[in-house]
Amino acid sequence: MFTLQIGYPVRDYAAWKQVFDSDPAGRAASGARSVRVFRDTDDGNNVAVHLDFDKKEAAATFLERLRAQVWENPVLMEPLMAGSPTARILEQVASENLDTA
């Protein structure tokens, strides 16, 4: 599995989440298997998103679409972002369930 990890420094989480939920880059049709959204416990406007894909190529293709259709759109991004998003593709190489119950 491959995870596209994105960091978003946002101005207003609620406004960002509304746009995120509208799925402007088409993650639902991109091959993403799951999406997880995280907020920094000390700064609720520091957001991380993890999107899981079966193939690295699918993650890379979605990242390029996200950059072209969303991140490079100043009308959409300027009101929402406090800084530039960051992204990287991670390959899962190990997993372990620590639930002992």
Protein backbone atom coordinates (compact mmCIF):
# COMPACT_ATOMS: atom_id res chain seq x y z
CA MET A 1 0.00 0.00 0.00
CA PHE A 2 1.07 3.56 -0.71
CA THR A 3 -0.01 6.59 1.28
CA LEU A 4 -0.09 10.10 -0.06
CA GLN A 5 0.65 12.23 3.01
CA ILE A 6 -0.31 15.88 2.72
CA GLY A 7 0.25 18.70 5.18
CA TYR A 8 -2.04 21.72 5.04
CA PRO A 9 -1.38 24.89 7.07
CA VAL A 10 -4.89 26.34 6.89
CA ARG A 11 -6.36 29.67 7.98
CA ASP A 12 -9.70 28.23 9.14
CA TYR A 13 -10.23 24.49 9.55
CA ALA A 14 -14.01 24.64 9.06
CA ALA A 15 -13.68 26.55 5.76
CA TRP A 16 -10.92 24.21 4.55
CA LYS A 17 -12.94 21.11 5.53
CA GLN A 18 -15.94 22.33 3.56
CA VAL A 19 -13.82 22.58 0.40
CA PHE A 20 -12.06 19.28 1.18
CA ASP A 21 -15.42 17.51 1.55
CA SER A 22 -16.50 18.79 -1.88
CA ASP A 23 -13.63 16.69 -3.33
CA PRO A 24 -12.42 19.21 -5.96
CA ALA A 25 -9.65 16.93 -7.30
CA GLY A 26 -11.82 13.81 -7.51
CA ARG A 27 -10.17 11.61 -4.90
CA ALA A 28 -13.27 9.40 -4.87
CA ALA A 29 -12.65 8.46 -8.51
CA SER A 30 -8.84 8.45 -8.30
CA GLY A 31 -8.35 5.01 -6.82
CA ALA A 32 -7.97 6.17 -3.22
CA ARG A 33 -8.97 3.31 -0.93
CA SER A 34 -9.27 5.37 2.23
CA VAL A 35 -8.86 8.93 3.46
CA ARG A 36 -7.90 10.00 6.97
CA VAL A 37 -7.84 13.59 8.20
CA PHE A 38 -5.81 14.64 11.25
CA ARG A 39 -5.53 17.91 13.15
CA ASP A 40 -2.58 18.96 15.28
CA THR A 41 -3.65 18.86 18.93
CA ASP A 42 -1.84 22.14 19.64
CA ASP A 43 -2.84 23.94 16.43
CA GLY A 44 -6.19 22.91 14.95
CA ASN A 45 -5.35 24.75 11.73
CA ASN A 46 -2.42 22.44 11.02
CA VAL A 47 -4.00 19.56 9.10
CA ALA A 48 -2.62 16.29 7.76
CA VAL A 49 -4.39 14.09 5.23
CA HIS A 50 -3.48 10.49 4.42
CA LEU A 51 -4.89 8.93 1.25
CA ASP A 52 -4.20 5.23 0.69
CA PHE A 53 -3.69 3.75 -2.78
CA ASP A 54 -2.87 0.25 -4.04
CA LYS A 55 -0.29 1.54 -6.52
CA LYS A 56 2.36 4.25 -6.31
CA GLU A 57 1.42 5.44 -9.79
CA ALA A 58 -2.18 6.08 -8.70
CA ALA A 59 -0.97 8.17 -5.74
CA ALA A 60 1.42 10.13 -7.99
CA THR A 61 -1.28 10.74 -10.60
CA PHE A 62 -3.69 12.00 -7.96
CA LEU A 63 -1.01 14.27 -6.48
CA GLU A 64 -0.39 15.83 -9.90
CA ARG A 65 -4.13 16.36 -10.40
CA LEU A 66 -4.37 17.91 -6.93
CA ARG A 67 -1.52 20.30 -7.71
CA ALA A 68 -2.91 21.30 -11.10
CA GLN A 69 -6.60 21.56 -10.25
CA VAL A 70 -6.52 22.75 -6.64
CA TRP A 71 -3.16 23.94 -5.33
CA GLU A 72 -2.42 26.10 -8.39
CA ASN A 73 -5.85 27.75 -8.18
CA PRO A 74 -5.28 31.02 -6.28
CA VAL A 75 -8.99 31.80 -6.07
CA LEU A 76 -9.50 28.58 -4.14
CA MET A 77 -6.24 28.41 -2.21
CA GLU A 78 -5.46 31.98 -1.09
CA PRO A 79 -8.46 32.34 1.25
CA LEU A 80 -7.88 28.89 2.78
CA MET A 81 -4.14 28.45 3.15
CA ALA A 82 -1.72 30.02 5.64
CA GLY A 83 1.21 28.49 3.73
CA SER A 84 2.01 26.03 0.96
CA PRO A 85 0.83 22.44 1.25
CA THR A 86 3.46 19.72 1.42
CA ALA A 87 3.17 16.19 0.08
CA ARG A 88 5.05 12.92 -0.12
CA ILE A 89 4.24 9.37 -1.09
CA LEU A 90 5.02 6.73 1.52
CA GLU A 91 5.23 2.97 0.99
CA GLN A 92 3.98 0.82 3.83
CA VAL A 93 6.66 -1.74 4.63
CA ALA A 94 5.42 -3.06 7.97
CA SER A 95 2.28 -3.12 10.07
CA GLU A 96 1.54 -4.50 13.49
CA ASN A 97 -1.59 -4.67 15.61
CA LEU A 98 -0.78 -3.93 19.24
CA ASP A 99 -4.29 -4.49 20.59
CA THR A 100 -3.86 -7.01 23.38
CA ALA A 101 -7.49 -7.16 24.51
